[in-house]
Amino acid sequence: MTILLLAEHNNAELSEQTAKALTAAHAIGGDVDILVCGKNAQTVAEQAAKLDNVHKVLLAEADYLEQQLAEPVAATIVAQSKDYDVIMAASTSNGKNIMPRVAASLDVMQISDIVEVVSPDTFKRPIYAGNAIETIQSTDDKKVITVRTASFKAKAGNGTATIEKITPAADPSLSRYIGEEVKKSDRPELTSAKIIVSGGRGLGSEENFMSILLPLADKLGAAVGASRAAVDAGYAPNDWQVGQTGKVVAPDLYIAVAISGAIQHLAGMKDSRVIVAINKDEDAPMMHIADYALVGDLFDVIPELEKAL
């Protein structure tokens, strides 16, 4: 069994999502190669080479790979695919953008968002917003897989894999990069944070959301999340949304403030190690799945908690 894992990176630093997806790859078994597509990404390749039990790192560099657009990256993967039984990526924005094109080009189904490896051809994945877990077996000669990394732990790496430079596939020139707007923040990235403080519509306004939750998050060194209801109400930006249609997270500590616990939200955070719920409604679904549930008025509880810290 040979496996090709697409690296998640920004041309300067390898994302922890790659190490988590690598854990899933090792569960399948066999030699795992990591493909780094980018521009001036030698540092990323060196970081990937240090991950645990990596056979080799393939480095494909070109100007048109700098932004990792789906078409040229997918073409490069397909060009290498003859040597691999399994092609994998983390279920990030990049992975979800690139891997369907790979699967279509190879004329195989994509196995999306796996949360467990049962055997080399059998996997578990959530359906119905995480309310059910589906076990699927693939008979395709090549398997194209995305990994829900919240379900896998990254392992400390001390590897010494070789780095091999390869020639990327030609640019199909089907799309072009225009620009991007990236918000800078001193807080941890939501998907990799160890602690997350999340707020819901019960906070009542954007002013309350920011003035109450942000100081608490700053004291805890936490990322800030939000329910879809809070985002739809304009209390928080879209990139803070946690849930089925937002980001899937699995921090060591998840503090849910005034979040009722709709199915769609639970699907995005129920794998958190410790869940703390603060809500005045003791019958809210979130209170029943929480490890610690505090019934009370958030406008009294949160300031007290912040003072205690």
C-alpha atoms as a PDB file:
ATOM      1  CA  MET A   1       0.000   0.000   0.000  1.00  0.00           C
ATOM      2  CA  THR A   2       1.420   3.362  -1.039  1.00  0.00           C
ATOM      3  CA  ILE A   3      -0.139   6.634   0.071  1.00  0.00           C
ATOM      4  CA  LEU A   4       0.284  10.205  -1.180  1.00  0.00           C
ATOM      5  CA  LEU A   5      -0.674  12.918   1.313  1.00  0.00           C
ATOM      6  CA  LEU A   6      -1.116  16.511   0.121  1.00  0.00           C
ATOM      7  CA  ALA A   7       0.555  18.965   2.498  1.00  0.00           C
ATOM      8  CA  GLU A   8      -1.410  21.898   3.910  1.00  0.00           C
ATOM      9  CA  HIS A   9       0.793  24.993   4.112  1.00  0.00           C
ATOM     10  CA  ASN A  10       1.209  28.688   3.291  1.00  0.00           C
ATOM     11  CA  ASN A  11       4.581  28.379   1.485  1.00  0.00           C
ATOM     12  CA  ALA A  12       6.388  29.249   4.714  1.00  0.00           C
ATOM     13  CA  GLU A  13       5.020  26.909   7.385  1.00  0.00           C
ATOM     14  CA  LEU A  14       3.502  23.447   7.397  1.00  0.00           C
ATOM     15  CA  SER A  15       0.037  23.307   8.974  1.00  0.00           C
ATOM     16  CA  GLU A  16      -0.616  20.980  11.891  1.00  0.00           C
ATOM     17  CA  GLN A  17      -3.528  19.640   9.827  1.00  0.00           C
ATOM     18  CA  THR A  18      -0.971  17.725   7.745  1.00  0.00           C
ATOM     19  CA  ALA A  19       0.396  15.921  10.808  1.00  0.00           C
ATOM     20  CA  LYS A  20      -3.136  14.979  11.867  1.00  0.00           C
ATOM     21  CA  ALA A  21      -3.981  13.670   8.400  1.00  0.00           C
ATOM     22  CA  LEU A  22      -0.705  11.727   8.509  1.00  0.00           C
ATOM     23  CA  THR A  23      -1.980   9.891  11.589  1.00  0.00           C
ATOM     24  CA  ALA A  24      -4.972   8.740   9.526  1.00  0.00           C
ATOM     25  CA  ALA A  25      -2.635   7.697   6.699  1.00  0.00           C
ATOM     26  CA  HIS A  26      -0.569   5.578   9.085  1.00  0.00           C
ATOM     27  CA  ALA A  27      -3.768   3.876  10.261  1.00  0.00           C
ATOM     28  CA  ILE A  28      -4.364   2.742   6.674  1.00  0.00           C
ATOM     29  CA  GLY A  29      -0.830   1.359   6.545  1.00  0.00           C
ATOM     30  CA  GLY A  30       1.989   1.337   4.037  1.00  0.00           C
ATOM     31  CA  ASP A  31       4.546   3.892   2.881  1.00  0.00           C
ATOM     32  CA  VAL A  32       3.392   7.494   3.062  1.00  0.00           C
ATOM     33  CA  ASP A  33       4.831  10.205   0.807  1.00  0.00           C
ATOM     34  CA  ILE A  34       3.947  13.865   1.322  1.00  0.00           C
ATOM     35  CA  LEU A  35       3.435  16.173  -1.653  1.00  0.00           C
ATOM     36  CA  VAL A  36       4.251  19.856  -1.174  1.00  0.00           C
ATOM     37  CA  CYS A  37       2.924  22.076  -3.973  1.00  0.00           C
ATOM     38  CA  GLY A  38       3.867  25.740  -3.812  1.00  0.00           C
ATOM     39  CA  LYS A  39       6.477  28.364  -4.543  1.00  0.00           C
ATOM     40  CA  ASN A  40       9.696  28.804  -2.545  1.00  0.00           C
ATOM     41  CA  ALA A  41       8.397  26.051  -0.287  1.00  0.00           C
ATOM     42  CA  GLN A  42      11.687  24.325   0.581  1.00  0.00           C
ATOM     43  CA  THR A  43      11.181  25.184   4.270  1.00  0.00           C
ATOM     44  CA  VAL A  44       7.770  23.524   4.209  1.00  0.00           C
ATOM     45  CA  ALA A  45       9.268  20.402   2.631  1.00  0.00           C
ATOM     46  CA  GLU A  46      11.927  20.284   5.352  1.00  0.00           C
ATOM     47  CA  GLN A  47       9.247  20.515   8.039  1.00  0.00           C
ATOM     48  CA  ALA A  48       7.268  17.723   6.350  1.00  0.00           C
ATOM     49  CA  ALA A  49      10.391  15.561   6.203  1.00  0.00           C
ATOM     50  CA  LYS A  50      10.636  15.722   9.999  1.00  0.00           C
ATOM     51  CA  LEU A  51       7.173  14.242  10.526  1.00  0.00           C
ATOM     52  CA  ASP A  52       6.947  10.748  11.928  1.00  0.00           C
ATOM     53  CA  ASN A  53       7.379   7.788   9.546  1.00  0.00           C
ATOM     54  CA  VAL A  54       7.302   9.642   6.248  1.00  0.00           C
ATOM     55  CA  HIS A  55       8.883   7.701   3.376  1.00  0.00           C
ATOM     56  CA  LYS A  56       9.780  10.757   1.282  1.00  0.00           C
ATOM     57  CA  VAL A  57       8.643  14.290   0.507  1.00  0.00           C
ATOM     58  CA  LEU A  58       7.875  15.344  -3.053  1.00  0.00           C
ATOM     59  CA  LEU A  59       8.405  19.063  -3.681  1.00  0.00           C
ATOM     60  CA  ALA A  60       6.690  20.615  -6.708  1.00  0.00           C
ATOM     61  CA  GLU A  61       7.409  24.322  -7.161  1.00  0.00           C
ATOM     62  CA  ALA A  62       6.192  26.798  -9.764  1.00  0.00           C
ATOM     63  CA  ASP A  63       4.894  30.358  -9.926  1.00  0.00           C
ATOM     64  CA  TYR A  64       1.405  29.056 -10.711  1.00  0.00           C
ATOM     65  CA  LEU A  65       1.428  26.811  -7.613  1.00  0.00           C
ATOM     66  CA  GLU A  66       2.011  29.653  -5.175  1.00  0.00           C
ATOM     67  CA  GLN A  67      -1.695  30.050  -4.354  1.00  0.00           C
ATOM     68  CA  GLN A  68      -2.396  26.291  -4.629  1.00  0.00           C
ATOM     69  CA  LEU A  69      -5.300  26.694  -7.019  1.00  0.00           C
ATOM     70  CA  ALA A  70      -7.306  23.522  -7.504  1.00  0.00           C
ATOM     71  CA  GLU A  71      -6.560  22.959 -11.196  1.00  0.00           C
ATOM     72  CA  PRO A  72      -2.733  22.921 -11.249  1.00  0.00           C
ATOM     73  CA  VAL A  73      -2.421  21.136  -7.894  1.00  0.00           C
ATOM     74  CA  ALA A  74      -4.939  18.467  -8.924  1.00  0.00           C
ATOM     75  CA  ALA A  75      -3.130  18.017 -12.243  1.00  0.00           C
ATOM     76  CA  THR A  76       0.155  17.523 -10.397  1.00  0.00           C
ATOM     77  CA  ILE A  77      -1.415  14.940  -8.081  1.00  0.00           C
ATOM     78  CA  VAL A  78      -2.953  13.049 -11.001  1.00  0.00           C
ATOM     79  CA  ALA A  79       0.418  13.037 -12.764  1.00  0.00           C
ATOM     80  CA  GLN A  80       1.924  11.279  -9.727  1.00  0.00           C
ATOM     81  CA  SER A  81      -1.078   9.055  -9.016  1.00  0.00           C
ATOM     82  CA  LYS A  82       0.110   5.981 -10.948  1.00  0.00           C
ATOM     83  CA  ASP A  83       2.540   5.216  -8.115  1.00  0.00           C
ATOM     84  CA  TYR A  84      -0.071   5.385  -5.335  1.00  0.00           C
ATOM     85  CA  ASP A  85      -3.015   3.340  -4.057  1.00  0.00           C
ATOM     86  CA  VAL A  86      -4.398   6.087  -1.807  1.00  0.00           C
ATOM     87  CA  ILE A  87      -4.399   9.872  -2.233  1.00  0.00           C
ATOM     88  CA  MET A  88      -5.278  11.917   0.852  1.00  0.00           C
ATOM     89  CA  ALA A  89      -5.659  15.459   2.130  1.00  0.00           C
ATOM     90  CA  ALA A  90      -6.998  17.163   5.227  1.00  0.00           C
ATOM     91  CA  SER A  91     -10.608  18.392   4.990  1.00  0.00           C
ATOM     92  CA  THR A  92      -9.532  22.021   4.902  1.00  0.00           C
ATOM     93  CA  SER A  93     -10.654  24.619   2.387  1.00  0.00           C
ATOM     94  CA  ASN A  94      -7.750  23.568   0.171  1.00  0.00           C
ATOM     95  CA  GLY A  95      -8.422  19.864   0.545  1.00  0.00           C
ATOM     96  CA  LYS A  96     -12.126  20.274  -0.188  1.00  0.00           C
ATOM     97  CA  ASN A  97     -11.292  22.392  -3.221  1.00  0.00           C
ATOM     98  CA  ILE A  98      -8.637  20.129  -4.738  1.00  0.00           C
ATOM     99  CA  MET A  99      -9.549  16.519  -3.985  1.00  0.00           C
ATOM    100  CA  PRO A 100     -12.933  16.341  -5.788  1.00  0.00           C
ATOM    101  CA  ARG A 101     -11.136  17.366  -8.986  1.00  0.00           C
ATOM    102  CA  VAL A 102      -8.554  14.616  -8.366  1.00  0.00           C
ATOM    103  CA  ALA A 103     -11.294  12.028  -7.827  1.00  0.00           C
ATOM    104  CA  ALA A 104     -13.152  13.100 -10.964  1.00  0.00           C
ATOM    105  CA  SER A 105      -9.972  13.007 -13.045  1.00  0.00           C
ATOM    106  CA  LEU A 106      -9.246   9.463 -11.834  1.00  0.00           C
ATOM    107  CA  ASP A 107     -12.899   8.443 -12.267  1.00  0.00           C
ATOM    108  CA  VAL A 108     -13.264   7.217  -8.687  1.00  0.00           C
ATOM    109  CA  MET A 109     -15.506   8.244  -5.829  1.00  0.00           C
ATOM    110  CA  GLN A 110     -14.205  10.533  -3.109  1.00  0.00           C
ATOM    111  CA  ILE A 111     -14.400   9.337   0.481  1.00  0.00           C
ATOM    112  CA  SER A 112     -14.988  12.533   2.411  1.00  0.00           C
ATOM    113  CA  ASP A 113     -14.395  13.532   6.026  1.00  0.00           C
ATOM    114  CA  ILE A 114     -13.262  10.201   7.438  1.00  0.00           C
ATOM    115  CA  VAL A 115     -13.131  10.084  11.232  1.00  0.00           C
ATOM    116  CA  GLU A 116     -11.840   6.520  11.637  1.00  0.00           C
ATOM    117  CA  VAL A 117      -9.930   3.947   9.621  1.00  0.00           C
ATOM    118  CA  VAL A 118     -11.461   0.482  10.056  1.00  0.00           C
ATOM    119  CA  SER A 119      -9.232  -1.233   7.488  1.00  0.00           C
ATOM    120  CA  PRO A 120      -7.311  -0.165   4.369  1.00  0.00           C
ATOM    121  CA  ASP A 121     -10.546  -0.158   2.344  1.00  0.00           C
ATOM    122  CA  THR A 122     -13.144   0.607   5.037  1.00  0.00           C
ATOM    123  CA  PHE A 123     -13.725   3.920   6.769  1.00  0.00           C
ATOM    124  CA  LYS A 124     -16.150   5.733   9.050  1.00  0.00           C
ATOM    125  CA  ARG A 125     -17.524   9.183   8.290  1.00  0.00           C
ATOM    126  CA  PRO A 126     -20.287  11.352   9.785  1.00  0.00           C
ATOM    127  CA  ILE A 127     -23.609  11.903   8.030  1.00  0.00           C
ATOM    128  CA  TYR A 128     -26.791  13.789   8.976  1.00  0.00           C
ATOM    129  CA  ALA A 129     -24.808  16.591  10.631  1.00  0.00           C
ATOM    130  CA  GLY A 130     -22.880  14.097  12.707  1.00  0.00           C
ATOM    131  CA  ASN A 131     -25.969  12.390  14.136  1.00  0.00           C
ATOM    132  CA  ALA A 132     -25.000   9.115  12.492  1.00  0.00           C
ATOM    133  CA  ILE A 133     -21.695   7.520  11.550  1.00  0.00           C
ATOM    134  CA  GLU A 134     -21.577   5.756   8.207  1.00  0.00           C
ATOM    135  CA  THR A 135     -19.206   2.838   7.572  1.00  0.00           C
ATOM    136  CA  ILE A 136     -18.234   2.565   3.927  1.00  0.00           C
ATOM    137  CA  GLN A 137     -16.073   0.115   2.017  1.00  0.00           C
ATOM    138  CA  SER A 138     -14.454   1.149  -1.244  1.00  0.00           C
ATOM    139  CA  THR A 139     -13.581  -1.264  -4.043  1.00  0.00           C
ATOM    140  CA  ASP A 140     -11.908   1.422  -6.184  1.00  0.00           C
ATOM    141  CA  ASP A 141      -8.346   0.628  -7.213  1.00  0.00           C
ATOM    142  CA  LYS A 142      -7.333   4.113  -6.095  1.00  0.00           C
ATOM    143  CA  LYS A 143      -8.900   5.743  -3.087  1.00  0.00           C
ATOM    144  CA  VAL A 144      -9.236   9.519  -2.804  1.00  0.00           C
ATOM    145  CA  ILE A 145      -9.816  10.534   0.808  1.00  0.00           C
ATOM    146  CA  THR A 146     -10.255  13.694   2.857  1.00  0.00           C
ATOM    147  CA  VAL A 147      -9.673  13.517   6.599  1.00  0.00           C
ATOM    148  CA  ARG A 148     -11.652  15.262   9.325  1.00  0.00           C
ATOM    149  CA  THR A 149      -8.549  16.146  11.288  1.00  0.00           C
ATOM    150  CA  ALA A 150     -10.442  16.940  14.494  1.00  0.00           C
ATOM    151  CA  SER A 151     -10.735  13.158  14.952  1.00  0.00           C
ATOM    152  CA  PHE A 152      -6.990  12.468  14.742  1.00  0.00           C
ATOM    153  CA  LYS A 153      -4.084  13.572  16.926  1.00  0.00           C
ATOM    154  CA  ALA A 154      -0.827  14.873  15.541  1.00  0.00           C
ATOM    155  CA  LYS A 155       2.224  12.910  16.683  1.00  0.00           C
ATOM    156  CA  ALA A 156       5.572  14.394  17.573  1.00  0.00           C
ATOM    157  CA  GLY A 157       7.889  14.076  14.613  1.00  0.00           C
ATOM    158  CA  ASN A 158      11.550  13.162  14.543  1.00  0.00           C
ATOM    159  CA  GLY A 159      11.746  11.840  10.999  1.00  0.00           C
ATOM    160  CA  THR A 160      14.508  12.207   8.447  1.00  0.00           C
ATOM    161  CA  ALA A 161      12.678  11.660   5.161  1.00  0.00           C
ATOM    162  CA  THR A 162      14.393  12.523   1.907  1.00  0.00           C
ATOM    163  CA  ILE A 163      13.148  15.446  -0.196  1.00  0.00           C
ATOM    164  CA  GLU A 164      12.753  14.851  -3.920  1.00  0.00           C
ATOM    165  CA  LYS A 165      12.068  17.733  -6.282  1.00  0.00           C
ATOM    166  CA  ILE A 166       9.588  16.877  -9.023  1.00  0.00           C
ATOM    167  CA  THR A 167       8.346  18.708 -12.100  1.00  0.00           C
ATOM    168  CA  PRO A 168       4.739  19.848 -11.589  1.00  0.00           C
ATOM    169  CA  ALA A 169       2.092  19.298 -14.228  1.00  0.00           C
ATOM    170  CA  ALA A 170       1.568  22.125 -16.682  1.00  0.00           C
ATOM    171  CA  ASP A 171      -0.800  24.867 -15.596  1.00  0.00           C
ATOM    172  CA  PRO A 172      -4.255  24.187 -17.129  1.00  0.00           C
ATOM    173  CA  SER A 173      -4.874  27.960 -16.907  1.00  0.00           C
ATOM    174  CA  LEU A 174      -8.526  27.425 -16.031  1.00  0.00           C
ATOM    175  CA  SER A 175      -8.517  29.920 -13.178  1.00  0.00           C
ATOM    176  CA  ARG A 176      -6.310  32.714 -11.911  1.00  0.00           C
ATOM    177  CA  TYR A 177      -5.571  34.277  -8.572  1.00  0.00           C
ATOM    178  CA  ILE A 178      -6.972  37.781  -8.095  1.00  0.00           C
ATOM    179  CA  GLY A 179      -6.314  38.529  -4.437  1.00  0.00           C
ATOM    180  CA  GLU A 180      -7.328  37.753  -0.901  1.00  0.00           C
ATOM    181  CA  GLU A 181      -8.259  39.528   2.296  1.00  0.00           C
ATOM    182  CA  VAL A 182      -6.706  37.957   5.355  1.00  0.00           C
ATOM    183  CA  LYS A 183      -7.615  39.118   8.834  1.00  0.00           C
ATOM    184  CA  LYS A 184      -4.658  39.381  11.184  1.00  0.00           C
ATOM    185  CA  SER A 185      -5.138  38.301  14.777  1.00  0.00           C
ATOM    186  CA  ASP A 186      -2.946  37.698  17.800  1.00  0.00           C
ATOM    187  CA  ARG A 187      -5.297  34.933  18.873  1.00  0.00           C
ATOM    188  CA  PRO A 188      -4.709  31.292  17.935  1.00  0.00           C
ATOM    189  CA  GLU A 189      -6.157  29.918  14.682  1.00  0.00           C
ATOM    190  CA  LEU A 190      -9.617  28.528  15.395  1.00  0.00           C
ATOM    191  CA  THR A 191      -9.015  25.062  13.926  1.00  0.00           C
ATOM    192  CA  SER A 192      -5.763  24.513  15.837  1.00  0.00           C
ATOM    193  CA  ALA A 193      -6.497  26.290  19.135  1.00  0.00           C
ATOM    194  CA  LYS A 194      -6.227  24.358  22.390  1.00  0.00           C
ATOM    195  CA  ILE A 195      -8.889  26.556  24.025  1.00  0.00           C
ATOM    196  CA  ILE A 196     -11.940  28.077  22.328  1.00  0.00           C
ATOM    197  CA  VAL A 197     -14.479  30.495  23.780  1.00  0.00           C
ATOM    198  CA  SER A 198     -17.644  30.466  21.663  1.00  0.00           C
ATOM    199  CA  GLY A 199     -20.698  32.670  21.850  1.00  0.00           C
ATOM    200  CA  GLY A 200     -24.290  32.367  20.702  1.00  0.00           C
ATOM    201  CA  ARG A 201     -27.248  34.550  19.901  1.00  0.00           C
ATOM    202  CA  GLY A 202     -28.057  34.831  23.602  1.00  0.00           C
ATOM    203  CA  LEU A 203     -25.354  37.486  23.916  1.00  0.00           C
ATOM    204  CA  GLY A 204     -27.876  39.862  22.360  1.00  0.00           C
ATOM    205  CA  SER A 205     -25.680  42.134  20.234  1.00  0.00           C
ATOM    206  CA  GLU A 206     -22.316  42.497  18.549  1.00  0.00           C
ATOM    207  CA  GLU A 207     -21.273  44.947  21.261  1.00  0.00           C
ATOM    208  CA  ASN A 208     -22.029  42.409  23.995  1.00  0.00           C
ATOM    209  CA  PHE A 209     -20.324  39.621  22.058  1.00  0.00           C
ATOM    210  CA  MET A 210     -17.094  41.552  21.688  1.00  0.00           C
ATOM    211  CA  SER A 211     -17.030  43.246  25.088  1.00  0.00           C
ATOM    212  CA  ILE A 212     -17.856  40.103  27.070  1.00  0.00           C
ATOM    213  CA  LEU A 213     -16.189  37.226  25.220  1.00  0.00           C
ATOM    214  CA  LEU A 214     -13.006  38.821  23.880  1.00  0.00           C
ATOM    215  CA  PRO A 215     -11.531  39.797  27.279  1.00  0.00           C
ATOM    216  CA  LEU A 216     -12.205  36.264  28.549  1.00  0.00           C
ATOM    217  CA  ALA A 217     -10.576  34.733  25.469  1.00  0.00           C
ATOM    218  CA  ASP A 218      -7.566  37.025  25.823  1.00  0.00           C
ATOM    219  CA  LYS A 219      -7.006  35.978  29.429  1.00  0.00           C
ATOM    220  CA  LEU A 220      -7.245  32.307  28.502  1.00  0.00           C
ATOM    221  CA  GLY A 221      -5.113  32.646  25.364  1.00  0.00           C
ATOM    222  CA  ALA A 222      -8.084  31.230  23.483  1.00  0.00           C
ATOM    223  CA  ALA A 223      -9.497  31.471  19.988  1.00  0.00           C
ATOM    224  CA  VAL A 224     -12.998  32.911  19.599  1.00  0.00           C
ATOM    225  CA  GLY A 225     -15.829  31.018  17.922  1.00  0.00           C
ATOM    226  CA  ALA A 226     -19.510  31.601  17.313  1.00  0.00           C
ATOM    227  CA  SER A 227     -22.676  29.720  16.531  1.00  0.00           C
ATOM    228  CA  ARG A 228     -24.314  30.144  13.153  1.00  0.00           C
ATOM    229  CA  ALA A 229     -27.160  32.059  14.811  1.00  0.00           C
ATOM    230  CA  ALA A 230     -24.674  34.578  16.213  1.00  0.00           C
ATOM    231  CA  VAL A 231     -22.954  34.940  12.837  1.00  0.00           C
ATOM    232  CA  ASP A 232     -26.267  35.321  10.985  1.00  0.00           C
ATOM    233  CA  ALA A 233     -27.305  37.997  13.487  1.00  0.00           C
ATOM    234  CA  GLY A 234     -24.133  39.935  12.720  1.00  0.00           C
ATOM    235  CA  TYR A 235     -22.570  39.502  16.147  1.00  0.00           C
ATOM    236  CA  ALA A 236     -19.427  37.788  14.815  1.00  0.00           C
ATOM    237  CA  PRO A 237     -17.625  37.412  11.464  1.00  0.00           C
ATOM    238  CA  ASN A 238     -18.177  34.361   9.253  1.00  0.00           C
ATOM    239  CA  ASP A 239     -14.716  32.929   9.833  1.00  0.00           C
ATOM    240  CA  TRP A 240     -15.528  32.478  13.542  1.00  0.00           C
ATOM    241  CA  GLN A 241     -18.432  30.129  12.845  1.00  0.00           C
ATOM    242  CA  VAL A 242     -18.179  26.660  14.366  1.00  0.00           C
ATOM    243  CA  GLY A 243     -20.451  23.909  13.100  1.00  0.00           C
ATOM    244  CA  GLN A 244     -21.542  21.847  10.158  1.00  0.00           C
ATOM    245  CA  THR A 245     -21.418  24.832   7.800  1.00  0.00           C
ATOM    246  CA  GLY A 246     -18.492  26.437   9.625  1.00  0.00           C
ATOM    247  CA  LYS A 247     -15.289  25.041  11.090  1.00  0.00           C
ATOM    248  CA  VAL A 248     -14.902  21.679  12.796  1.00  0.00           C
ATOM    249  CA  VAL A 249     -12.806  21.948  15.961  1.00  0.00           C
ATOM    250  CA  ALA A 250     -11.598  19.650  18.712  1.00  0.00           C
ATOM    251  CA  PRO A 251      -9.792  21.743  21.341  1.00  0.00           C
ATOM    252  CA  ASP A 252      -8.773  20.613  24.809  1.00  0.00           C
ATOM    253  CA  LEU A 253     -11.323  23.050  26.248  1.00  0.00           C
ATOM    254  CA  TYR A 254     -14.457  24.419  24.562  1.00  0.00           C
ATOM    255  CA  ILE A 255     -16.441  27.061  26.458  1.00  0.00           C
ATOM    256  CA  ALA A 256     -19.919  27.578  24.994  1.00  0.00           C
ATOM    257  CA  VAL A 257     -21.561  30.794  26.177  1.00  0.00           C
ATOM    258  CA  ALA A 258     -25.278  31.297  25.456  1.00  0.00           C
ATOM    259  CA  ILE A 259     -25.261  28.578  22.788  1.00  0.00           C
ATOM    260  CA  SER A 260     -28.347  26.384  22.841  1.00  0.00           C
ATOM    261  CA  GLY A 261     -26.646  23.495  21.061  1.00  0.00           C
ATOM    262  CA  ALA A 262     -28.352  23.041  17.696  1.00  0.00           C
ATOM    263  CA  ILE A 263     -27.409  19.858  15.858  1.00  0.00           C
ATOM    264  CA  GLN A 264     -25.448  21.822  13.264  1.00  0.00           C
ATOM    265  CA  HIS A 265     -23.285  23.437  15.959  1.00  0.00           C
ATOM    266  CA  LEU A 266     -22.697  20.212  17.880  1.00  0.00           C
ATOM    267  CA  ALA A 267     -21.434  18.589  14.676  1.00  0.00           C
ATOM    268  CA  GLY A 268     -18.548  21.058  14.677  1.00  0.00           C
ATOM    269  CA  MET A 269     -17.337  20.793  18.283  1.00  0.00           C
ATOM    270  CA  LYS A 270     -18.571  17.631  19.978  1.00  0.00           C
ATOM    271  CA  ASP A 271     -15.115  16.019  19.751  1.00  0.00           C
ATOM    272  CA  SER A 272     -13.728  18.642  22.162  1.00  0.00           C
ATOM    273  CA  ARG A 273     -11.939  17.037  25.094  1.00  0.00           C
ATOM    274  CA  VAL A 274     -13.709  19.111  27.773  1.00  0.00           C
ATOM    275  CA  ILE A 275     -16.914  21.079  27.113  1.00  0.00           C
ATOM    276  CA  VAL A 276     -18.108  23.834  29.448  1.00  0.00           C
ATOM    277  CA  ALA A 277     -21.583  25.276  28.842  1.00  0.00           C
ATOM    278  CA  ILE A 278     -22.865  28.517  30.354  1.00  0.00           C
ATOM    279  CA  ASN A 279     -26.562  29.141  29.780  1.00  0.00           C
ATOM    280  CA  LYS A 280     -29.569  30.328  31.724  1.00  0.00           C
ATOM    281  CA  ASP A 281     -31.644  27.517  30.185  1.00  0.00           C
ATOM    282  CA  GLU A 282     -30.729  24.293  31.983  1.00  0.00           C
ATOM    283  CA  ASP A 283     -32.634  22.254  29.390  1.00  0.00           C
ATOM    284  CA  ALA A 284     -30.645  23.522  26.400  1.00  0.00           C
ATOM    285  CA  PRO A 285     -29.117  20.616  24.429  1.00  0.00           C
ATOM    286  CA  MET A 286     -25.615  22.012  24.965  1.00  0.00           C
ATOM    287  CA  MET A 287     -26.060  21.688  28.738  1.00  0.00           C
ATOM    288  CA  HIS A 288     -26.725  17.963  28.385  1.00  0.00           C
ATOM    289  CA  ILE A 289     -23.587  17.148  26.400  1.00  0.00           C
ATOM    290  CA  ALA A 290     -21.305  19.424  28.453  1.00  0.00           C
ATOM    291  CA  ASP A 291     -18.805  18.002  30.928  1.00  0.00           C
ATOM    292  CA  TYR A 292     -19.497  21.041  33.110  1.00  0.00           C
ATOM    293  CA  ALA A 293     -22.769  22.986  32.874  1.00  0.00           C
ATOM    294  CA  LEU A 294     -23.274  26.285  34.670  1.00  0.00           C
ATOM    295  CA  VAL A 295     -26.826  27.608  34.859  1.00  0.00           C
ATOM    296  CA  GLY A 296     -26.811  31.356  35.179  1.00  0.00           C
ATOM    297  CA  ASP A 297     -26.960  34.761  33.539  1.00  0.00           C
ATOM    298  CA  LEU A 298     -23.896  35.134  31.331  1.00  0.00           C
ATOM    299  CA  PHE A 299     -23.782  38.869  32.067  1.00  0.00           C
ATOM    300  CA  ASP A 300     -23.084  37.975  35.704  1.00  0.00           C
ATOM    301  CA  VAL A 301     -21.107  34.762  35.223  1.00  0.00           C
ATOM    302  CA  ILE A 302     -18.571  35.830  32.594  1.00  0.00           C
ATOM    303  CA  PRO A 303     -17.354  39.011  34.383  1.00  0.00           C
ATOM    304  CA  GLU A 304     -16.950  36.967  37.594  1.00  0.00           C
ATOM    305  CA  LEU A 305     -15.037  34.297  35.725  1.00  0.00           C
ATOM    306  CA  GLU A 306     -12.821  36.865  34.102  1.00  0.00           C
ATOM    307  CA  LYS A 307     -12.030  38.471  37.464  1.00  0.00           C
ATOM    308  CA  ALA A 308     -11.135  35.064  38.902  1.00  0.00           C
ATOM    309  CA  LEU A 309      -8.608  34.578  36.133  1.00  0.00           C
END
